[in-house]
Amino acid sequence: MRKFLNDNTNELKTVVCNHCQKELKVKNGILMEGCFHGEITFGYFSNKDGKKHSFDLCEECYDKMTKSFAIPVEEEELSELL
């Protein structure tokens, strides 16, 4: 869950893991630790037509969730981070 300083800016105030409620470190509006942000807008042929869901997971909760996958996540080593 993300909270911003105000509605007119994208500067982060806080980020909280939706699963364990851990407050992630934010400094000067910048997220300072690993976080998975998921966002989906449901369309036709779903039971959630016209709804948008978003959530954040700390790295530990992300690891727990992905370890339960029947098919492992695809992993790629990157040489540069943006």
PDB file of N, CA and C in Angstrom:
ATOM      1  N   MET A   1       0.849  -1.156   0.000  1.00  0.00           N
ATOM      2  CA  MET A   1       0.000   0.000   0.000  1.00  0.00           C
ATOM      3  C   MET A   1       0.903   1.231   0.000  1.00  0.00           C
ATOM      4  N   ARG A   2       0.645   2.119  -0.894  1.00  0.00           N
ATOM      5  CA  ARG A   2       1.456   3.328  -1.025  1.00  0.00           C
ATOM      6  C   ARG A   2       0.649   4.555  -0.648  1.00  0.00           C
ATOM      7  N   LYS A   3       1.305   5.429   0.105  1.00  0.00           N
ATOM      8  CA  LYS A   3       0.715   6.728   0.429  1.00  0.00           C
ATOM      9  C   LYS A   3       1.681   7.786  -0.066  1.00  0.00           C
ATOM     10  N   PHE A   4       1.110   8.833  -0.650  1.00  0.00           N
ATOM     11  CA  PHE A   4       1.896   9.911  -1.225  1.00  0.00           C
ATOM     12  C   PHE A   4       1.724  11.175  -0.398  1.00  0.00           C
ATOM     13  N   LEU A   5       2.686  12.098  -0.523  1.00  0.00           N
ATOM     14  CA  LEU A   5       2.635  13.332   0.262  1.00  0.00           C
ATOM     15  C   LEU A   5       1.349  14.103   0.014  1.00  0.00           C
ATOM     16  N   ASN A   6       0.923  14.183  -1.264  1.00  0.00           N
ATOM     17  CA  ASN A   6      -0.358  14.800  -1.588  1.00  0.00           C
ATOM     18  C   ASN A   6      -0.823  14.285  -2.939  1.00  0.00           C
ATOM     19  N   ASP A   7      -2.023  14.650  -3.334  1.00  0.00           N
ATOM     20  CA  ASP A   7      -2.607  14.159  -4.576  1.00  0.00           C
ATOM     21  C   ASP A   7      -1.946  14.724  -5.824  1.00  0.00           C
ATOM     22  N   ASN A   8      -1.201  15.819  -5.682  1.00  0.00           N
ATOM     23  CA  ASN A   8      -0.615  16.494  -6.846  1.00  0.00           C
ATOM     24  C   ASN A   8       0.786  16.014  -7.180  1.00  0.00           C
ATOM     25  N   THR A   9       1.338  15.079  -6.389  1.00  0.00           N
ATOM     26  CA  THR A   9       2.706  14.634  -6.613  1.00  0.00           C
ATOM     27  C   THR A   9       2.800  13.123  -6.482  1.00  0.00           C
ATOM     28  N   ASN A  10       3.816  12.552  -7.086  1.00  0.00           N
ATOM     29  CA  ASN A  10       4.062  11.122  -6.953  1.00  0.00           C
ATOM     30  C   ASN A  10       5.139  10.840  -5.915  1.00  0.00           C
ATOM     31  N   GLU A  11       5.437  11.810  -5.056  1.00  0.00           N
ATOM     32  CA  GLU A  11       6.466  11.619  -4.045  1.00  0.00           C
ATOM     33  C   GLU A  11       5.932  10.734  -2.919  1.00  0.00           C
ATOM     34  N   LEU A  12       6.610   9.611  -2.697  1.00  0.00           N
ATOM     35  CA  LEU A  12       6.162   8.653  -1.695  1.00  0.00           C
ATOM     36  C   LEU A  12       6.296   9.200  -0.284  1.00  0.00           C
ATOM     37  N   LYS A  13       5.303   8.892   0.524  1.00  0.00           N
ATOM     38  CA  LYS A  13       5.369   9.186   1.951  1.00  0.00           C
ATOM     39  C   LYS A  13       5.659   7.891   2.702  1.00  0.00           C
ATOM     40  N   THR A  14       4.869   6.848   2.427  1.00  0.00           N
ATOM     41  CA  THR A  14       5.064   5.543   3.057  1.00  0.00           C
ATOM     42  C   THR A  14       4.699   4.431   2.087  1.00  0.00           C
ATOM     43  N   VAL A  15       5.330   3.264   2.302  1.00  0.00           N
ATOM     44  CA  VAL A  15       4.969   2.038   1.591  1.00  0.00           C
ATOM     45  C   VAL A  15       4.870   0.946   2.652  1.00  0.00           C
ATOM     46  N   VAL A  16       3.736   0.249   2.681  1.00  0.00           N
ATOM     47  CA  VAL A  16       3.496  -0.804   3.658  1.00  0.00           C
ATOM     48  C   VAL A  16       3.174  -2.096   2.908  1.00  0.00           C
ATOM     49  N   CYS A  17       3.806  -3.195   3.336  1.00  0.00           N
ATOM     50  CA  CYS A  17       3.526  -4.498   2.723  1.00  0.00           C
ATOM     51  C   CYS A  17       2.076  -4.873   2.996  1.00  0.00           C
ATOM     52  N   ASN A  18       1.336  -5.184   1.950  1.00  0.00           N
ATOM     53  CA  ASN A  18      -0.069  -5.557   2.101  1.00  0.00           C
ATOM     54  C   ASN A  18      -0.245  -6.895   2.812  1.00  0.00           C
ATOM     55  N   HIS A  19       0.787  -7.738   2.823  1.00  0.00           N
ATOM     56  CA  HIS A  19       0.651  -9.058   3.448  1.00  0.00           C
ATOM     57  C   HIS A  19       1.006  -9.029   4.935  1.00  0.00           C
ATOM     58  N   CYS A  20       2.197  -8.546   5.289  1.00  0.00           N
ATOM     59  CA  CYS A  20       2.660  -8.608   6.688  1.00  0.00           C
ATOM     60  C   CYS A  20       2.585  -7.267   7.410  1.00  0.00           C
ATOM     61  N   GLN A  21       2.242  -6.204   6.705  1.00  0.00           N
ATOM     62  CA  GLN A  21       2.106  -4.846   7.230  1.00  0.00           C
ATOM     63  C   GLN A  21       3.431  -4.206   7.638  1.00  0.00           C
ATOM     64  N   LYS A  22       4.545  -4.754   7.155  1.00  0.00           N
ATOM     65  CA  LYS A  22       5.848  -4.145   7.430  1.00  0.00           C
ATOM     66  C   LYS A  22       5.918  -2.806   6.715  1.00  0.00           C
ATOM     67  N   GLU A  23       6.362  -1.756   7.432  1.00  0.00           N
ATOM     68  CA  GLU A  23       6.563  -0.460   6.796  1.00  0.00           C
ATOM     69  C   GLU A  23       7.957  -0.445   6.180  1.00  0.00           C
ATOM     70  N   LEU A  24       8.008  -0.227   4.877  1.00  0.00           N
ATOM     71  CA  LEU A  24       9.271  -0.234   4.155  1.00  0.00           C
ATOM     72  C   LEU A  24       9.946   1.129   4.268  1.00  0.00           C
ATOM     73  N   LYS A  25      11.267   1.130   4.157  1.00  0.00           N
ATOM     74  CA  LYS A  25      12.031   2.362   4.335  1.00  0.00           C
ATOM     75  C   LYS A  25      11.869   3.279   3.117  1.00  0.00           C
ATOM     76  N   VAL A  26      11.401   4.497   3.372  1.00  0.00           N
ATOM     77  CA  VAL A  26      11.278   5.538   2.356  1.00  0.00           C
ATOM     78  C   VAL A  26      12.074   6.738   2.860  1.00  0.00           C
ATOM     79  N   LYS A  27      12.978   7.240   2.017  1.00  0.00           N
ATOM     80  CA  LYS A  27      13.793   8.397   2.392  1.00  0.00           C
ATOM     81  C   LYS A  27      13.710   9.432   1.278  1.00  0.00           C
ATOM     82  N   ASN A  28      13.304  10.633   1.624  1.00  0.00           N
ATOM     83  CA  ASN A  28      13.160  11.728   0.654  1.00  0.00           C
ATOM     84  C   ASN A  28      12.303  11.319  -0.549  1.00  0.00           C
ATOM     85  N   GLY A  29      11.240  10.564  -0.287  1.00  0.00           N
ATOM     86  CA  GLY A  29      10.320  10.156  -1.341  1.00  0.00           C
ATOM     87  C   GLY A  29      10.794   9.000  -2.189  1.00  0.00           C
ATOM     88  N   ILE A  30      11.918   8.360  -1.796  1.00  0.00           N
ATOM     89  CA  ILE A  30      12.483   7.253  -2.572  1.00  0.00           C
ATOM     90  C   ILE A  30      12.418   5.977  -1.746  1.00  0.00           C
ATOM     91  N   LEU A  31      11.878   4.929  -2.313  1.00  0.00           N
ATOM     92  CA  LEU A  31      11.817   3.623  -1.662  1.00  0.00           C
ATOM     93  C   LEU A  31      13.226   3.048  -1.585  1.00  0.00           C
ATOM     94  N   MET A  32      13.687   2.716  -0.376  1.00  0.00           N
ATOM     95  CA  MET A  32      15.078   2.344  -0.154  1.00  0.00           C
ATOM     96  C   MET A  32      15.280   0.851   0.103  1.00  0.00           C
ATOM     97  N   GLU A  33      14.308   0.009  -0.234  1.00  0.00           N
ATOM     98  CA  GLU A  33      14.483  -1.436  -0.104  1.00  0.00           C
ATOM     99  C   GLU A  33      13.622  -2.158  -1.121  1.00  0.00           C
ATOM    100  N   GLY A  34      13.900  -3.458  -1.266  1.00  0.00           N
ATOM    101  CA  GLY A  34      13.195  -4.247  -2.271  1.00  0.00           C
ATOM    102  C   GLY A  34      11.702  -4.318  -2.012  1.00  0.00           C
ATOM    103  N   CYS A  35      10.926  -4.156  -3.071  1.00  0.00           N
ATOM    104  CA  CYS A  35       9.467  -4.157  -2.964  1.00  0.00           C
ATOM    105  C   CYS A  35       8.885  -4.604  -4.301  1.00  0.00           C
ATOM    106  N   PHE A  36       7.887  -5.474  -4.239  1.00  0.00           N
ATOM    107  CA  PHE A  36       7.155  -5.856  -5.446  1.00  0.00           C
ATOM    108  C   PHE A  36       5.852  -5.074  -5.463  1.00  0.00           C
ATOM    109  N   HIS A  37       5.624  -4.342  -6.550  1.00  0.00           N
ATOM    110  CA  HIS A  37       4.371  -3.610  -6.719  1.00  0.00           C
ATOM    111  C   HIS A  37       3.570  -4.302  -7.808  1.00  0.00           C
ATOM    112  N   GLY A  38       2.391  -4.771  -7.454  1.00  0.00           N
ATOM    113  CA  GLY A  38       1.509  -5.420  -8.418  1.00  0.00           C
ATOM    114  C   GLY A  38       0.301  -4.546  -8.691  1.00  0.00           C
ATOM    115  N   GLU A  39      -0.093  -4.497  -9.958  1.00  0.00           N
ATOM    116  CA  GLU A  39      -1.238  -3.671 -10.345  1.00  0.00           C
ATOM    117  C   GLU A  39      -1.921  -4.329 -11.532  1.00  0.00           C
ATOM    118  N   ILE A  40      -3.238  -4.446 -11.461  1.00  0.00           N
ATOM    119  CA  ILE A  40      -3.996  -5.019 -12.571  1.00  0.00           C
ATOM    120  C   ILE A  40      -5.349  -4.327 -12.683  1.00  0.00           C
ATOM    121  N   THR A  41      -5.749  -4.084 -13.921  1.00  0.00           N
ATOM    122  CA  THR A  41      -7.086  -3.597 -14.209  1.00  0.00           C
ATOM    123  C   THR A  41      -7.832  -4.738 -14.869  1.00  0.00           C
ATOM    124  N   PHE A  42      -8.899  -5.174 -14.241  1.00  0.00           N
ATOM    125  CA  PHE A  42      -9.668  -6.298 -14.763  1.00  0.00           C
ATOM    126  C   PHE A  42     -10.618  -5.825 -15.857  1.00  0.00           C
ATOM    127  N   GLY A  43     -10.717  -6.624 -16.885  1.00  0.00           N
ATOM    128  CA  GLY A  43     -11.576  -6.290 -18.011  1.00  0.00           C
ATOM    129  C   GLY A  43     -12.652  -7.343 -18.205  1.00  0.00           C
ATOM    130  N   TYR A  44     -13.085  -7.449 -19.429  1.00  0.00           N
ATOM    131  CA  TYR A  44     -14.131  -8.405 -19.767  1.00  0.00           C
ATOM    132  C   TYR A  44     -13.700  -9.822 -19.417  1.00  0.00           C
ATOM    133  N   PHE A  45     -14.671 -10.671 -19.204  1.00  0.00           N
ATOM    134  CA  PHE A  45     -14.494 -12.100 -18.953  1.00  0.00           C
ATOM    135  C   PHE A  45     -13.903 -12.401 -17.577  1.00  0.00           C
ATOM    136  N   SER A  46     -13.920 -11.452 -16.680  1.00  0.00           N
ATOM    137  CA  SER A  46     -13.499 -11.719 -15.301  1.00  0.00           C
ATOM    138  C   SER A  46     -14.672 -11.408 -14.377  1.00  0.00           C
ATOM    139  N   ASN A  47     -14.549 -11.827 -13.148  1.00  0.00           N
ATOM    140  CA  ASN A  47     -15.580 -11.502 -12.162  1.00  0.00           C
ATOM    141  C   ASN A  47     -15.354 -10.124 -11.535  1.00  0.00           C
ATOM    142  N   LYS A  48     -14.344  -9.426 -12.016  1.00  0.00           N
ATOM    143  CA  LYS A  48     -14.000  -8.114 -11.461  1.00  0.00           C
ATOM    144  C   LYS A  48     -13.983  -7.037 -12.546  1.00  0.00           C
ATOM    145  N   ASP A  49     -14.826  -7.169 -13.538  1.00  0.00           N
ATOM    146  CA  ASP A  49     -14.862  -6.212 -14.654  1.00  0.00           C
ATOM    147  C   ASP A  49     -14.865  -4.769 -14.153  1.00  0.00           C
ATOM    148  N   GLY A  50     -13.955  -3.963 -14.693  1.00  0.00           N
ATOM    149  CA  GLY A  50     -13.922  -2.546 -14.382  1.00  0.00           C
ATOM    150  C   GLY A  50     -13.284  -2.202 -13.045  1.00  0.00           C
ATOM    151  N   LYS A  51     -12.641  -3.168 -12.380  1.00  0.00           N
ATOM    152  CA  LYS A  51     -11.995  -2.897 -11.102  1.00  0.00           C
ATOM    153  C   LYS A  51     -10.488  -2.930 -11.261  1.00  0.00           C
ATOM    154  N   LYS A  52      -9.813  -2.088 -10.494  1.00  0.00           N
ATOM    155  CA  LYS A  52      -8.358  -2.032 -10.512  1.00  0.00           C
ATOM    156  C   LYS A  52      -7.855  -2.420  -9.124  1.00  0.00           C
ATOM    157  N   HIS A  53      -6.929  -3.346  -9.074  1.00  0.00           N
ATOM    158  CA  HIS A  53      -6.320  -3.764  -7.817  1.00  0.00           C
ATOM    159  C   HIS A  53      -4.840  -3.408  -7.848  1.00  0.00           C
ATOM    160  N   SER A  54      -4.295  -2.979  -6.713  1.00  0.00           N
ATOM    161  CA  SER A  54      -2.859  -2.741  -6.602  1.00  0.00           C
ATOM    162  C   SER A  54      -2.428  -3.115  -5.195  1.00  0.00           C
ATOM    163  N   PHE A  55      -1.177  -3.582  -5.081  1.00  0.00           N
ATOM    164  CA  PHE A  55      -0.654  -3.969  -3.784  1.00  0.00           C
ATOM    165  C   PHE A  55       0.874  -3.947  -3.825  1.00  0.00           C
ATOM    166  N   ASP A  56       1.461  -3.939  -2.628  1.00  0.00           N
ATOM    167  CA  ASP A  56       2.908  -3.974  -2.480  1.00  0.00           C
ATOM    168  C   ASP A  56       3.277  -5.109  -1.538  1.00  0.00           C
ATOM    169  N   LEU A  57       4.367  -5.799  -1.858  1.00  0.00           N
ATOM    170  CA  LEU A  57       4.886  -6.861  -1.000  1.00  0.00           C
ATOM    171  C   LEU A  57       6.341  -6.572  -0.682  1.00  0.00           C
ATOM    172  N   CYS A  58       6.715  -6.724   0.595  1.00  0.00           N
ATOM    173  CA  CYS A  58       8.126  -6.628   0.948  1.00  0.00           C
ATOM    174  C   CYS A  58       8.844  -7.814   0.298  1.00  0.00           C
ATOM    175  N   GLU A  59      10.151  -7.753   0.256  1.00  0.00           N
ATOM    176  CA  GLU A  59      10.919  -8.799  -0.428  1.00  0.00           C
ATOM    177  C   GLU A  59      10.714 -10.169   0.224  1.00  0.00           C
ATOM    178  N   GLU A  60      10.602 -10.207   1.538  1.00  0.00           N
ATOM    179  CA  GLU A  60      10.396 -11.478   2.241  1.00  0.00           C
ATOM    180  C   GLU A  60       9.057 -12.114   1.864  1.00  0.00           C
ATOM    181  N   CYS A  61       7.994 -11.329   1.832  1.00  0.00           N
ATOM    182  CA  CYS A  61       6.673 -11.857   1.454  1.00  0.00           C
ATOM    183  C   CYS A  61       6.639 -12.250  -0.017  1.00  0.00           C
ATOM    184  N   TYR A  62       7.326 -11.490  -0.860  1.00  0.00           N
ATOM    185  CA  TYR A  62       7.434 -11.845  -2.276  1.00  0.00           C
ATOM    186  C   TYR A  62       8.095 -13.213  -2.417  1.00  0.00           C
ATOM    187  N   ASP A  63       9.201 -13.432  -1.674  1.00  0.00           N
ATOM    188  CA  ASP A  63       9.911 -14.712  -1.738  1.00  0.00           C
ATOM    189  C   ASP A  63       9.022 -15.859  -1.279  1.00  0.00           C
ATOM    190  N   LYS A  64       8.268 -15.664  -0.205  1.00  0.00           N
ATOM    191  CA  LYS A  64       7.357 -16.709   0.296  1.00  0.00           C
ATOM    192  C   LYS A  64       6.291 -17.036  -0.752  1.00  0.00           C
ATOM    193  N   MET A  65       5.743 -15.999  -1.385  1.00  0.00           N
ATOM    194  CA  MET A  65       4.690 -16.207  -2.371  1.00  0.00           C
ATOM    195  C   MET A  65       5.230 -16.956  -3.592  1.00  0.00           C
ATOM    196  N   THR A  66       6.366 -16.528  -4.112  1.00  0.00           N
ATOM    197  CA  THR A  66       6.877 -17.137  -5.340  1.00  0.00           C
ATOM    198  C   THR A  66       7.418 -18.547  -5.111  1.00  0.00           C
ATOM    199  N   LYS A  67       7.837 -18.875  -3.894  1.00  0.00           N
ATOM    200  CA  LYS A  67       8.292 -20.243  -3.595  1.00  0.00           C
ATOM    201  C   LYS A  67       7.150 -21.241  -3.708  1.00  0.00           C
ATOM    202  N   SER A  68       5.910 -20.782  -3.571  1.00  0.00           N
ATOM    203  CA  SER A  68       4.758 -21.678  -3.652  1.00  0.00           C
ATOM    204  C   SER A  68       4.294 -21.909  -5.097  1.00  0.00           C
ATOM    205  N   PHE A  69       4.891 -21.231  -6.071  1.00  0.00           N
ATOM    206  CA  PHE A  69       4.487 -21.386  -7.469  1.00  0.00           C
ATOM    207  C   PHE A  69       4.826 -22.789  -7.980  1.00  0.00           C
ATOM    208  N   ALA A  70       3.936 -23.379  -8.746  1.00  0.00           N
ATOM    209  CA  ALA A  70       4.201 -24.667  -9.388  1.00  0.00           C
ATOM    210  C   ALA A  70       5.260 -24.503 -10.476  1.00  0.00           C
ATOM    211  N   ILE A  71       5.244 -23.388 -11.159  1.00  0.00           N
ATOM    212  CA  ILE A  71       6.247 -23.066 -12.171  1.00  0.00           C
ATOM    213  C   ILE A  71       7.064 -21.906 -11.612  1.00  0.00           C
ATOM    214  N   PRO A  72       8.379 -22.092 -11.431  1.00  0.00           N
ATOM    215  CA  PRO A  72       9.197 -21.024 -10.828  1.00  0.00           C
ATOM    216  C   PRO A  72       9.195 -19.750 -11.669  1.00  0.00           C
ATOM    217  N   VAL A  73       9.422 -18.629 -10.999  1.00  0.00           N
ATOM    218  CA  VAL A  73       9.538 -17.364 -11.720  1.00  0.00           C
ATOM    219  C   VAL A  73      10.765 -17.419 -12.624  1.00  0.00           C
ATOM    220  N   GLU A  74      10.704 -16.700 -13.732  1.00  0.00           N
ATOM    221  CA  GLU A  74      11.864 -16.610 -14.613  1.00  0.00           C
ATOM    222  C   GLU A  74      12.807 -15.576 -14.037  1.00  0.00           C
ATOM    223  N   GLU A  75      14.074 -15.920 -13.986  1.00  0.00           N
ATOM    224  CA  GLU A  75      15.075 -15.046 -13.391  1.00  0.00           C
ATOM    225  C   GLU A  75      16.121 -14.700 -14.431  1.00  0.00           C
ATOM    226  N   GLU A  76      16.538 -13.444 -14.430  1.00  0.00           N
ATOM    227  CA  GLU A  76      17.533 -12.975 -15.395  1.00  0.00           C
ATOM    228  C   GLU A  76      18.496 -12.047 -14.664  1.00  0.00           C
ATOM    229  N   GLU A  77      19.791 -12.218 -14.889  1.00  0.00           N
ATOM    230  CA  GLU A  77      20.806 -11.368 -14.282  1.00  0.00           C
ATOM    231  C   GLU A  77      20.963 -10.108 -15.116  1.00  0.00           C
ATOM    232  N   LEU A  78      20.868  -8.953 -14.481  1.00  0.00           N
ATOM    233  CA  LEU A  78      20.996  -7.680 -15.174  1.00  0.00           C
ATOM    234  C   LEU A  78      22.344  -7.051 -14.839  1.00  0.00           C
ATOM    235  N   SER A  79      22.957  -6.419 -15.829  1.00  0.00           N
ATOM    236  CA  SER A  79      24.255  -5.790 -15.583  1.00  0.00           C
ATOM    237  C   SER A  79      24.100  -4.322 -15.192  1.00  0.00           C
ATOM    238  N   GLU A  80      22.978  -3.707 -15.544  1.00  0.00           N
ATOM    239  CA  GLU A  80      22.731  -2.312 -15.189  1.00  0.00           C
ATOM    240  C   GLU A  80      21.347  -2.183 -14.568  1.00  0.00           C
ATOM    241  N   LEU A  81      21.273  -1.390 -13.518  1.00  0.00           N
ATOM    242  CA  LEU A  81      19.980  -1.117 -12.883  1.00  0.00           C
ATOM    243  C   LEU A  81      19.619   0.332 -13.129  1.00  0.00           C
ATOM    244  N   LEU A  82      18.378   0.573 -13.523  1.00  0.00           N
ATOM    245  CA  LEU A  82      17.926   1.948 -13.779  1.00  0.00           C
ATOM    246  C   LEU A  82      17.165   2.478 -12.592  1.00  0.00           C
TER     247      LEU A  82
END
